Amino acid sequence: MLDATAAIASATSALVGIGAHIQKTRVNALADLNKARTIKTDPTALNALINAAKETTTTIQSLASATKASATKLDEKALAQNSNSVTNATAHLVAALKAGSSPQEAEMITRLTVANEQVSEATSALMSAVHRAAQFNETVDLDVSADVGKVKELEIQIRILKLEKSIKREQKKLEAMKHSQKNS
């Protein structure tokens, strides 16, 4: 699970790096107003991009925390929610970056899309690992339950043997008493 989370962080880092490069290119293009498009100077588009980047960062941190916490106690639901949040946040980031793209950014948008797919694949790998871990935990619980049952069974058998031994001892005492009564 930690490897899958690291893969998500790595893919997301690449995605954010590409996004930062795209935005830097756009800022440089703004210097030459003849190259800039209206949407690039739109504060709403810029705010959407900033919010998507913040959301991506926050969800990655939450996923990392949930993964660390699952080292002691697996919380499949929390990990699933955090994985979905990362996928949604990166999708928002990609959408915000694509919204202001120009034909000159086609190569970077393609790289961005590939990085987004890597994030999705990594989150899928994490969920597979979580699912396998949950199944393993269930199997261990069943094995422990079976072991507990065996232990209880052995304890009962030991008590029965002790009782049988006690009964035999008492029977010998009874026979000794009968034998002594006959001889008297």
Protein backbone atom coordinates (compact mmCIF):
# COMPACT_ATOMS: atom_id res chain seq x y z
CA MET A 1 0.00 0.00 0.00
CA LEU A 2 2.85 2.37 0.77
CA ASP A 3 4.36 1.68 -2.65
CA ALA A 4 1.03 2.45 -4.33
CA THR A 5 0.71 5.66 -2.33
CA ALA A 6 4.25 6.64 -3.30
CA ALA A 7 3.36 5.96 -6.94
CA ILE A 8 0.30 8.21 -6.60
CA ALA A 9 2.42 10.96 -5.05
CA SER A 10 5.04 10.60 -7.79
CA ALA A 11 2.48 10.67 -10.60
CA THR A 12 0.69 13.60 -9.01
CA SER A 13 4.00 15.42 -8.61
CA ALA A 14 4.68 14.93 -12.32
CA LEU A 15 1.18 16.15 -13.13
CA VAL A 16 1.57 19.26 -10.97
CA GLY A 17 5.04 19.87 -12.44
CA ILE A 18 3.65 19.76 -15.95
CA GLY A 19 0.80 22.02 -14.87
CA ALA A 20 3.28 24.49 -13.37
CA HIS A 21 5.27 24.45 -16.61
CA ILE A 22 2.12 25.11 -18.63
CA GLN A 23 1.17 27.99 -16.36
CA LYS A 24 4.69 29.43 -16.48
CA THR A 25 4.51 29.31 -20.27
CA ARG A 26 1.18 31.14 -20.11
CA VAL A 27 2.57 33.82 -17.80
CA ASN A 28 5.49 34.35 -20.17
CA ALA A 29 3.03 34.61 -23.06
CA LEU A 30 1.16 37.31 -21.17
CA ALA A 31 4.24 39.50 -21.45
CA ASP A 32 3.61 39.64 -25.15
CA LEU A 33 -0.06 40.62 -25.37
CA ASN A 34 -0.21 39.64 -29.05
CA LYS A 35 0.26 35.96 -28.06
CA ALA A 36 -2.05 36.00 -25.04
CA ARG A 37 -5.65 34.87 -25.31
CA THR A 38 -8.43 36.46 -23.25
CA ILE A 39 -9.05 33.33 -21.15
CA LYS A 40 -5.44 33.30 -19.97
CA THR A 41 -5.91 36.66 -18.30
CA ASP A 42 -9.30 35.66 -16.84
CA PRO A 43 -8.99 35.76 -13.02
CA THR A 44 -11.74 33.14 -12.71
CA ALA A 45 -9.72 30.66 -14.77
CA LEU A 46 -6.61 31.46 -12.74
CA ASN A 47 -8.52 31.01 -9.45
CA ALA A 48 -9.89 27.68 -10.68
CA LEU A 49 -6.36 26.57 -11.45
CA ILE A 50 -5.05 27.68 -8.04
CA ASN A 51 -7.95 26.00 -6.22
CA ALA A 52 -7.45 22.77 -8.18
CA ALA A 53 -3.74 22.75 -7.31
CA LYS A 54 -4.52 23.34 -3.62
CA GLU A 55 -7.17 20.61 -3.67
CA THR A 56 -4.69 18.19 -5.22
CA THR A 57 -2.09 18.96 -2.55
CA THR A 58 -4.60 18.58 0.28
CA THR A 59 -5.97 15.29 -0.99
CA ILE A 60 -2.48 13.82 -1.44
CA GLN A 61 -1.64 14.78 2.16
CA SER A 62 -4.88 13.19 3.38
CA LEU A 63 -4.17 10.02 1.42
CA ALA A 64 -0.64 9.84 2.84
CA SER A 65 -2.02 10.22 6.37
CA ALA A 66 -4.67 7.56 5.79
CA THR A 67 -2.06 5.20 4.38
CA LYS A 68 0.22 5.73 7.39
CA ALA A 69 -2.71 5.14 9.74
CA SER A 70 -3.59 1.92 7.93
CA ALA A 71 -0.20 0.51 8.89
CA THR A 72 -1.66 -0.09 12.36
CA LYS A 73 -5.34 -0.52 11.48
CA LEU A 74 -6.65 -0.96 7.95
CA ASP A 75 -9.48 1.47 7.17
CA GLU A 76 -10.54 0.41 3.69
CA LYS A 77 -13.30 3.03 3.51
CA ALA A 78 -11.01 5.95 4.42
CA LEU A 79 -8.40 4.87 1.89
CA ALA A 80 -11.05 4.48 -0.81
CA GLN A 81 -12.46 7.94 -0.07
CA ASN A 82 -9.00 9.53 -0.12
CA SER A 83 -8.06 7.74 -3.35
CA ASN A 84 -11.25 8.97 -5.00
CA SER A 85 -10.53 12.48 -3.73
CA VAL A 86 -7.07 12.40 -5.29
CA THR A 87 -8.49 11.20 -8.60
CA ASN A 88 -11.16 13.92 -8.56
CA ALA A 89 -8.70 16.64 -7.54
CA THR A 90 -6.26 15.76 -10.30
CA ALA A 91 -9.14 15.65 -12.80
CA HIS A 92 -10.11 19.18 -11.70
CA LEU A 93 -6.52 20.33 -12.09
CA VAL A 94 -6.30 18.84 -15.58
CA ALA A 95 -9.61 20.41 -16.55
CA ALA A 96 -8.49 23.82 -15.26
CA LEU A 97 -5.26 23.57 -17.23
CA LYS A 98 -6.96 22.39 -20.40
CA ALA A 99 -9.54 25.16 -20.18
CA GLY A 100 -6.96 27.83 -20.91
CA SER A 101 -4.82 25.85 -23.32
CA SER A 102 -3.68 27.02 -26.70
CA PRO A 103 -2.53 25.02 -29.73
CA GLN A 104 1.10 25.74 -28.77
CA GLU A 105 0.55 23.80 -25.53
CA ALA A 106 -0.68 20.60 -27.23
CA GLU A 107 2.44 18.62 -26.35
CA MET A 108 2.29 19.68 -22.69
CA ILE A 109 -1.45 18.93 -22.53
CA THR A 110 -0.70 15.44 -23.89
CA ARG A 111 1.94 14.94 -21.19
CA LEU A 112 -0.54 16.26 -18.64
CA THR A 113 -3.13 13.73 -19.77
CA VAL A 114 -0.58 10.90 -19.52
CA ALA A 115 0.37 12.01 -15.99
CA ASN A 116 -3.32 12.10 -15.04
CA GLU A 117 -3.72 8.54 -16.34
CA GLN A 118 -0.72 7.50 -14.23
CA VAL A 119 -2.41 8.97 -11.15
CA SER A 120 -5.56 6.99 -11.97
CA GLU A 121 -3.56 3.79 -12.46
CA ALA A 122 -1.70 4.34 -9.20
CA THR A 123 -4.93 4.94 -7.27
CA SER A 124 -6.34 1.75 -8.80
CA ALA A 125 -3.20 -0.11 -7.70
CA LEU A 126 -3.63 1.29 -4.20
CA MET A 127 -7.25 0.15 -4.05
CA SER A 128 -6.22 -3.32 -5.25
CA ALA A 129 -3.58 -3.45 -2.51
CA VAL A 130 -6.11 -2.28 0.07
CA HIS A 131 -8.59 -4.90 -1.09
CA ARG A 132 -5.94 -7.64 -0.89
CA ALA A 133 -4.93 -6.45 2.59
CA ALA A 134 -8.56 -6.46 3.71
CA GLN A 135 -9.00 -10.00 2.42
CA PHE A 136 -5.79 -11.03 4.18
CA ASN A 137 -7.04 -9.49 7.44
CA GLU A 138 -10.34 -11.37 7.10
CA THR A 139 -8.44 -14.60 6.46
CA VAL A 140 -6.23 -13.99 9.50
CA ASP A 141 -9.32 -13.27 11.62
CA LEU A 142 -10.89 -16.53 10.46
CA ASP A 143 -7.66 -18.41 11.17
CA VAL A 144 -7.44 -16.86 14.62
CA SER A 145 -11.07 -17.77 15.29
CA ALA A 146 -10.33 -21.33 14.21
CA ASP A 147 -7.25 -21.38 16.45
CA VAL A 148 -9.26 -20.01 19.37
CA GLY A 149 -11.82 -22.76 18.79
CA LYS A 150 -9.05 -25.38 18.80
CA VAL A 151 -7.58 -23.97 22.00
CA LYS A 152 -10.99 -24.07 23.70
CA GLU A 153 -11.52 -27.62 22.47
CA LEU A 154 -8.15 -28.67 23.92
CA GLU A 155 -8.92 -26.94 27.22
CA ILE A 156 -12.21 -28.83 27.47
CA GLN A 157 -10.47 -32.12 26.66
CA ILE A 158 -7.89 -31.42 29.37
CA ARG A 159 -10.68 -30.75 31.91
CA ILE A 160 -12.41 -33.99 30.86
CA LEU A 161 -9.15 -35.94 31.32
CA LYS A 162 -8.65 -34.39 34.75
CA LEU A 163 -12.22 -35.28 35.71
CA GLU A 164 -11.77 -38.84 34.42
CA LYS A 165 -8.55 -39.13 36.44
CA SER A 166 -10.36 -37.81 39.51
CA ILE A 167 -13.20 -40.29 38.94
CA LYS A 168 -10.73 -43.20 38.67
CA ARG A 169 -9.00 -42.08 41.85
CA GLU A 170 -12.37 -41.94 43.66
CA GLN A 171 -13.33 -45.36 42.24
CA LYS A 172 -10.07 -46.82 43.58
CA LYS A 173 -10.84 -45.31 46.99
CA LEU A 174 -14.30 -46.85 46.86
CA GLU A 175 -12.88 -50.26 45.91
CA ALA A 176 -10.31 -49.99 48.68
CA MET A 177 -13.10 -49.17 51.14
CA LYS A 178 -15.19 -52.15 49.95
CA HIS A 179 -12.18 -54.43 50.11
CA SER A 180 -11.32 -53.30 53.63
CA GLN A 181 -14.97 -53.82 54.70
CA LYS A 182 -14.93 -57.40 53.35
CA ASN A 183 -11.71 -58.18 55.15
CA SER A 184 -12.96 -56.82 58.47
